[in-house]
Structure formats: C-alpha cells, structure tokens
Amino acid sequence: MSHLLKYNADVNIENNQGNTPLSDAVECKCVEPLAIMLKHNSTGINKKYDEGETLLHIAVRNEIIVD
C-alpha cells in the first residue's frame, strides 16, 4: 500500500459500483491499509455511499478504530 501511495495512487478512484479503496478497506475492516490511506490522502472521507452514509458512519457501524 505504501509503495502505491508513494507513486500517488488515487485512493478515491471509484469502481463500477461506486466503491473506493477507502470504502473497501472500511467494509472489510482492514485497519492497517485504511490508516495508511487516511494519512496519505483523506479527501474521499466525506463521500456519501449507500443510504447517504459516509466512511465515518460505516466505520462506526463496523466498530473500526484507527489511531
């Protein structure tokens, strides 16, 4: 993950379902990659997903804590 971000990989790019690497990391509870992406670039943190939820809503629902 760090290697990709070093070369400016876009963590906010959407797939055909509207999901981003950030949202996928939250959904699968992948805390370490999520923390790395958030430290690198968190511009997509406020994107609204299904039912108007942001990544923060989804993280709280999934009981994810990132230091």
PDB file of N, CA and C in Angstrom:
ATOM      1  N   MET A   1       0.820  -1.177   0.000  1.00  0.00           N
ATOM      2  CA  MET A   1       0.000   0.000   0.000  1.00  0.00           C
ATOM      3  C   MET A   1       0.873   1.252   0.000  1.00  0.00           C
ATOM      4  N   SER A   2       1.836   1.301   0.884  1.00  0.00           N
ATOM      5  CA  SER A   2       2.707   2.481   0.964  1.00  0.00           C
ATOM      6  C   SER A   2       3.433   2.727  -0.352  1.00  0.00           C
ATOM      7  N   HIS A   3       3.847   1.639  -1.008  1.00  0.00           N
ATOM      8  CA  HIS A   3       4.550   1.764  -2.287  1.00  0.00           C
ATOM      9  C   HIS A   3       3.639   2.395  -3.336  1.00  0.00           C
ATOM     10  N   LEU A   4       2.394   1.964  -3.405  1.00  0.00           N
ATOM     11  CA  LEU A   4       1.452   2.542  -4.369  1.00  0.00           C
ATOM     12  C   LEU A   4       1.200   4.014  -4.080  1.00  0.00           C
ATOM     13  N   LEU A   5       1.051   4.348  -2.819  1.00  0.00           N
ATOM     14  CA  LEU A   5       0.793   5.737  -2.453  1.00  0.00           C
ATOM     15  C   LEU A   5       2.008   6.621  -2.704  1.00  0.00           C
ATOM     16  N   LYS A   6       3.190   6.031  -2.596  1.00  0.00           N
ATOM     17  CA  LYS A   6       4.416   6.777  -2.889  1.00  0.00           C
ATOM     18  C   LYS A   6       4.383   7.295  -4.322  1.00  0.00           C
ATOM     19  N   TYR A   7       3.737   6.542  -5.201  1.00  0.00           N
ATOM     20  CA  TYR A   7       3.626   6.931  -6.604  1.00  0.00           C
ATOM     21  C   TYR A   7       2.260   7.533  -6.921  1.00  0.00           C
ATOM     22  N   ASN A   8       1.638   8.089  -5.880  1.00  0.00           N
ATOM     23  CA  ASN A   8       0.383   8.846  -5.997  1.00  0.00           C
ATOM     24  C   ASN A   8      -0.802   8.044  -6.522  1.00  0.00           C
ATOM     25  N   ALA A   9      -0.929   6.807  -6.094  1.00  0.00           N
ATOM     26  CA  ALA A   9      -2.129   6.034  -6.427  1.00  0.00           C
ATOM     27  C   ALA A   9      -3.341   6.764  -5.852  1.00  0.00           C
ATOM     28  N   ASP A  10      -4.424   6.789  -6.593  1.00  0.00           N
ATOM     29  CA  ASP A  10      -5.629   7.518  -6.188  1.00  0.00           C
ATOM     30  C   ASP A  10      -6.498   6.639  -5.297  1.00  0.00           C
ATOM     31  N   VAL A  11      -6.547   6.947  -4.000  1.00  0.00           N
ATOM     32  CA  VAL A  11      -7.356   6.162  -3.064  1.00  0.00           C
ATOM     33  C   VAL A  11      -8.835   6.527  -3.151  1.00  0.00           C
ATOM     34  N   ASN A  12      -9.159   7.522  -3.965  1.00  0.00           N
ATOM     35  CA  ASN A  12     -10.543   7.956  -4.112  1.00  0.00           C
ATOM     36  C   ASN A  12     -11.168   7.512  -5.430  1.00  0.00           C
ATOM     37  N   ILE A  13     -10.432   6.757  -6.236  1.00  0.00           N
ATOM     38  CA  ILE A  13     -10.965   6.298  -7.512  1.00  0.00           C
ATOM     39  C   ILE A  13     -12.083   5.287  -7.255  1.00  0.00           C
ATOM     40  N   GLU A  14     -13.148   5.377  -8.046  1.00  0.00           N
ATOM     41  CA  GLU A  14     -14.312   4.508  -7.850  1.00  0.00           C
ATOM     42  C   GLU A  14     -14.322   3.364  -8.851  1.00  0.00           C
ATOM     43  N   ASN A  15     -14.786   2.203  -8.394  1.00  0.00           N
ATOM     44  CA  ASN A  15     -15.012   1.098  -9.320  1.00  0.00           C
ATOM     45  C   ASN A  15     -16.411   1.259  -9.923  1.00  0.00           C
ATOM     46  N   ASN A  16     -16.851   0.292 -10.710  1.00  0.00           N
ATOM     47  CA  ASN A  16     -18.149   0.416 -11.379  1.00  0.00           C
ATOM     48  C   ASN A  16     -19.333   0.368 -10.420  1.00  0.00           C
ATOM     49  N   GLN A  17     -19.106   0.050  -9.163  1.00  0.00           N
ATOM     50  CA  GLN A  17     -20.166   0.034  -8.155  1.00  0.00           C
ATOM     51  C   GLN A  17     -20.106   1.263  -7.251  1.00  0.00           C
ATOM     52  N   GLY A  18     -19.169   2.180  -7.536  1.00  0.00           N
ATOM     53  CA  GLY A  18     -19.040   3.397  -6.749  1.00  0.00           C
ATOM     54  C   GLY A  18     -18.197   3.255  -5.501  1.00  0.00           C
ATOM     55  N   ASN A  19     -17.577   2.101  -5.317  1.00  0.00           N
ATOM     56  CA  ASN A  19     -16.720   1.887  -4.146  1.00  0.00           C
ATOM     57  C   ASN A  19     -15.303   2.373  -4.427  1.00  0.00           C
ATOM     58  N   THR A  20     -14.629   2.786  -3.373  1.00  0.00           N
ATOM     59  CA  THR A  20     -13.243   3.245  -3.470  1.00  0.00           C
ATOM     60  C   THR A  20     -12.358   2.333  -2.622  1.00  0.00           C
ATOM     61  N   PRO A  21     -11.039   2.395  -2.797  1.00  0.00           N
ATOM     62  CA  PRO A  21     -10.167   1.629  -1.908  1.00  0.00           C
ATOM     63  C   PRO A  21     -10.414   1.961  -0.436  1.00  0.00           C
ATOM     64  N   LEU A  22     -10.712   3.224  -0.148  1.00  0.00           N
ATOM     65  CA  LEU A  22     -11.026   3.608   1.230  1.00  0.00           C
ATOM     66  C   LEU A  22     -12.269   2.884   1.728  1.00  0.00           C
ATOM     67  N   SER A  23     -13.324   2.886   0.921  1.00  0.00           N
ATOM     68  CA  SER A  23     -14.568   2.245   1.372  1.00  0.00           C
ATOM     69  C   SER A  23     -14.402   0.737   1.482  1.00  0.00           C
ATOM     70  N   ASP A  24     -13.647   0.151   0.570  1.00  0.00           N
ATOM     71  CA  ASP A  24     -13.405  -1.295   0.649  1.00  0.00           C
ATOM     72  C   ASP A  24     -12.625  -1.654   1.914  1.00  0.00           C
ATOM     73  N   ALA A  25     -11.645  -0.828   2.265  1.00  0.00           N
ATOM     74  CA  ALA A  25     -10.868  -1.082   3.485  1.00  0.00           C
ATOM     75  C   ALA A  25     -11.753  -0.985   4.722  1.00  0.00           C
ATOM     76  N   VAL A  26     -12.675  -0.031   4.726  1.00  0.00           N
ATOM     77  CA  VAL A  26     -13.597   0.105   5.859  1.00  0.00           C
ATOM     78  C   VAL A  26     -14.524  -1.098   5.931  1.00  0.00           C
ATOM     79  N   GLU A  27     -15.103  -1.482   4.803  1.00  0.00           N
ATOM     80  CA  GLU A  27     -16.055  -2.599   4.785  1.00  0.00           C
ATOM     81  C   GLU A  27     -15.419  -3.913   5.232  1.00  0.00           C
ATOM     82  N   CYS A  28     -14.161  -4.149   4.863  1.00  0.00           N
ATOM     83  CA  CYS A  28     -13.517  -5.425   5.237  1.00  0.00           C
ATOM     84  C   CYS A  28     -12.736  -5.321   6.547  1.00  0.00           C
ATOM     85  N   LYS A  29     -12.830  -4.162   7.202  1.00  0.00           N
ATOM     86  CA  LYS A  29     -12.153  -3.934   8.486  1.00  0.00           C
ATOM     87  C   LYS A  29     -10.635  -4.100   8.377  1.00  0.00           C
ATOM     88  N   CYS A  30     -10.080  -3.624   7.269  1.00  0.00           N
ATOM     89  CA  CYS A  30      -8.633  -3.674   7.035  1.00  0.00           C
ATOM     90  C   CYS A  30      -8.020  -2.400   7.616  1.00  0.00           C
ATOM     91  N   VAL A  31      -7.775  -2.420   8.911  1.00  0.00           N
ATOM     92  CA  VAL A  31      -7.388  -1.217   9.645  1.00  0.00           C
ATOM     93  C   VAL A  31      -6.034  -0.666   9.203  1.00  0.00           C
ATOM     94  N   GLU A  32      -5.043  -1.518   9.024  1.00  0.00           N
ATOM     95  CA  GLU A  32      -3.708  -1.020   8.673  1.00  0.00           C
ATOM     96  C   GLU A  32      -3.696  -0.298   7.322  1.00  0.00           C
ATOM     97  N   PRO A  33      -4.219  -0.911   6.237  1.00  0.00           N
ATOM     98  CA  PRO A  33      -4.257  -0.177   4.966  1.00  0.00           C
ATOM     99  C   PRO A  33      -5.120   1.085   5.055  1.00  0.00           C
ATOM    100  N   LEU A  34      -6.202   1.015   5.809  1.00  0.00           N
ATOM    101  CA  LEU A  34      -7.068   2.176   5.981  1.00  0.00           C
ATOM    102  C   LEU A  34      -6.299   3.324   6.630  1.00  0.00           C
ATOM    103  N   ALA A  35      -5.555   3.036   7.680  1.00  0.00           N
ATOM    104  CA  ALA A  35      -4.775   4.071   8.366  1.00  0.00           C
ATOM    105  C   ALA A  35      -3.737   4.686   7.434  1.00  0.00           C
ATOM    106  N   ILE A  36      -3.090   3.852   6.642  1.00  0.00           N
ATOM    107  CA  ILE A  36      -2.087   4.350   5.695  1.00  0.00           C
ATOM    108  C   ILE A  36      -2.737   5.276   4.676  1.00  0.00           C
ATOM    109  N   MET A  37      -3.874   4.864   4.117  1.00  0.00           N
ATOM    110  CA  MET A  37      -4.554   5.696   3.118  1.00  0.00           C
ATOM    111  C   MET A  37      -5.040   7.008   3.717  1.00  0.00           C
ATOM    112  N   LEU A  38      -5.568   6.966   4.923  1.00  0.00           N
ATOM    113  CA  LEU A  38      -6.074   8.185   5.558  1.00  0.00           C
ATOM    114  C   LEU A  38      -4.947   9.170   5.852  1.00  0.00           C
ATOM    115  N   LYS A  39      -3.793   8.660   6.236  1.00  0.00           N
ATOM    116  CA  LYS A  39      -2.658   9.547   6.497  1.00  0.00           C
ATOM    117  C   LYS A  39      -2.139  10.165   5.207  1.00  0.00           C
ATOM    118  N   HIS A  40      -2.250   9.417   4.120  1.00  0.00           N
ATOM    119  CA  HIS A  40      -1.749   9.897   2.830  1.00  0.00           C
ATOM    120  C   HIS A  40      -2.689  10.925   2.202  1.00  0.00           C
ATOM    121  N   ASN A  41      -3.969  10.615   2.177  1.00  0.00           N
ATOM    122  CA  ASN A  41      -4.925  11.475   1.488  1.00  0.00           C
ATOM    123  C   ASN A  41      -6.325  11.079   1.916  1.00  0.00           C
ATOM    124  N   SER A  42      -6.997  11.954   2.603  1.00  0.00           N
ATOM    125  CA  SER A  42      -8.333  11.619   3.098  1.00  0.00           C
ATOM    126  C   SER A  42      -9.430  12.436   2.434  1.00  0.00           C
ATOM    127  N   THR A  43      -9.197  12.915   1.211  1.00  0.00           N
ATOM    128  CA  THR A  43     -10.203  13.761   0.572  1.00  0.00           C
ATOM    129  C   THR A  43     -11.511  13.032   0.328  1.00  0.00           C
ATOM    130  N   GLY A  44     -11.482  11.714   0.192  1.00  0.00           N
ATOM    131  CA  GLY A  44     -12.698  10.958  -0.061  1.00  0.00           C
ATOM    132  C   GLY A  44     -13.447  10.545   1.191  1.00  0.00           C
ATOM    133  N   ILE A  45     -13.007  11.002   2.328  1.00  0.00           N
ATOM    134  CA  ILE A  45     -13.592  10.567   3.594  1.00  0.00           C
ATOM    135  C   ILE A  45     -15.048  11.007   3.733  1.00  0.00           C
ATOM    136  N   ASN A  46     -15.432  12.090   3.082  1.00  0.00           N
ATOM    137  CA  ASN A  46     -16.800  12.602   3.206  1.00  0.00           C
ATOM    138  C   ASN A  46     -17.725  12.177   2.080  1.00  0.00           C
ATOM    139  N   LYS A  47     -17.246  11.331   1.166  1.00  0.00           N
ATOM    140  CA  LYS A  47     -18.096  10.844   0.074  1.00  0.00           C
ATOM    141  C   LYS A  47     -19.271  10.085   0.665  1.00  0.00           C
ATOM    142  N   LYS A  48     -20.450  10.302   0.101  1.00  0.00           N
ATOM    143  CA  LYS A  48     -21.647   9.596   0.568  1.00  0.00           C
ATOM    144  C   LYS A  48     -21.804   8.298  -0.223  1.00  0.00           C
ATOM    145  N   TYR A  49     -22.010   7.213   0.509  1.00  0.00           N
ATOM    146  CA  TYR A  49     -22.203   5.903  -0.092  1.00  0.00           C
ATOM    147  C   TYR A  49     -23.666   5.504   0.062  1.00  0.00           C
ATOM    148  N   ASP A  50     -23.957   4.234   0.045  1.00  0.00           N
ATOM    149  CA  ASP A  50     -25.333   3.745   0.148  1.00  0.00           C
ATOM    150  C   ASP A  50     -26.070   4.397   1.304  1.00  0.00           C
ATOM    151  N   GLU A  51     -27.278   4.777   1.041  1.00  0.00           N
ATOM    152  CA  GLU A  51     -28.164   5.354   2.053  1.00  0.00           C
ATOM    153  C   GLU A  51     -27.588   6.612   2.690  1.00  0.00           C
ATOM    154  N   GLY A  52     -26.714   7.332   1.972  1.00  0.00           N
ATOM    155  CA  GLY A  52     -26.175   8.594   2.446  1.00  0.00           C
ATOM    156  C   GLY A  52     -25.112   8.490   3.515  1.00  0.00           C
ATOM    157  N   GLU A  53     -24.593   7.290   3.735  1.00  0.00           N
ATOM    158  CA  GLU A  53     -23.567   7.102   4.765  1.00  0.00           C
ATOM    159  C   GLU A  53     -22.198   7.562   4.265  1.00  0.00           C
ATOM    160  N   THR A  54     -21.413   8.136   5.167  1.00  0.00           N
ATOM    161  CA  THR A  54     -20.013   8.438   4.881  1.00  0.00           C
ATOM    162  C   THR A  54     -19.164   7.292   5.425  1.00  0.00           C
ATOM    163  N   LEU A  55     -17.873   7.340   5.139  1.00  0.00           N
ATOM    164  CA  LEU A  55     -16.984   6.303   5.670  1.00  0.00           C
ATOM    165  C   LEU A  55     -16.974   6.300   7.190  1.00  0.00           C
ATOM    166  N   LEU A  56     -17.148   7.458   7.798  1.00  0.00           N
ATOM    167  CA  LEU A  56     -17.203   7.509   9.257  1.00  0.00           C
ATOM    168  C   LEU A  56     -18.402   6.730   9.775  1.00  0.00           C
ATOM    169  N   HIS A  57     -19.561   6.895   9.141  1.00  0.00           N
ATOM    170  CA  HIS A  57     -20.747   6.133   9.543  1.00  0.00           C
ATOM    171  C   HIS A  57     -20.489   4.627   9.434  1.00  0.00           C
ATOM    172  N   ILE A  58     -19.904   4.229   8.304  1.00  0.00           N
ATOM    173  CA  ILE A  58     -19.646   2.808   8.063  1.00  0.00           C
ATOM    174  C   ILE A  58     -18.625   2.273   9.068  1.00  0.00           C
ATOM    175  N   ALA A  59     -17.584   3.067   9.355  1.00  0.00           N
ATOM    176  CA  ALA A  59     -16.559   2.648  10.322  1.00  0.00           C
ATOM    177  C   ALA A  59     -17.156   2.476  11.710  1.00  0.00           C
ATOM    178  N   VAL A  60     -18.022   3.390  12.113  1.00  0.00           N
ATOM    179  CA  VAL A  60     -18.659   3.277  13.430  1.00  0.00           C
ATOM    180  C   VAL A  60     -19.534   2.033  13.480  1.00  0.00           C
ATOM    181  N   ARG A  61     -20.309   1.805  12.428  1.00  0.00           N
ATOM    182  CA  ARG A  61     -21.176   0.627  12.374  1.00  0.00           C
ATOM    183  C   ARG A  61     -20.360  -0.661  12.462  1.00  0.00           C
ATOM    184  N   ASN A  62     -19.176  -0.657  11.844  1.00  0.00           N
ATOM    185  CA  ASN A  62     -18.305  -1.841  11.842  1.00  0.00           C
ATOM    186  C   ASN A  62     -17.333  -1.867  13.017  1.00  0.00           C
ATOM    187  N   GLU A  63     -17.465  -0.904  13.929  1.00  0.00           N
ATOM    188  CA  GLU A  63     -16.624  -0.818  15.127  1.00  0.00           C
ATOM    189  C   GLU A  63     -15.139  -0.770  14.791  1.00  0.00           C
ATOM    190  N   ILE A  64     -14.784   0.096  13.842  1.00  0.00           N
ATOM    191  CA  ILE A  64     -13.394   0.251  13.421  1.00  0.00           C
ATOM    192  C   ILE A  64     -12.805   1.479  14.098  1.00  0.00           C
ATOM    193  N   ILE A  65     -11.638   1.301  14.698  1.00  0.00           N
ATOM    194  CA  ILE A  65     -10.921   2.404  15.336  1.00  0.00           C
ATOM    195  C   ILE A  65      -9.532   2.471  14.718  1.00  0.00           C
ATOM    196  N   VAL A  66      -9.169   3.651  14.217  1.00  0.00           N
ATOM    197  CA  VAL A  66      -7.848   3.870  13.629  1.00  0.00           C
ATOM    198  C   VAL A  66      -7.163   4.962  14.424  1.00  0.00           C
ATOM    199  N   ASP A  67      -5.959   4.677  14.907  1.00  0.00           N
ATOM    200  CA  ASP A  67      -5.193   5.692  15.656  1.00  0.00           C
ATOM    201  C   ASP A  67      -4.535   6.657  14.714  1.00  0.00           C
TER     202      ASP A  67
END
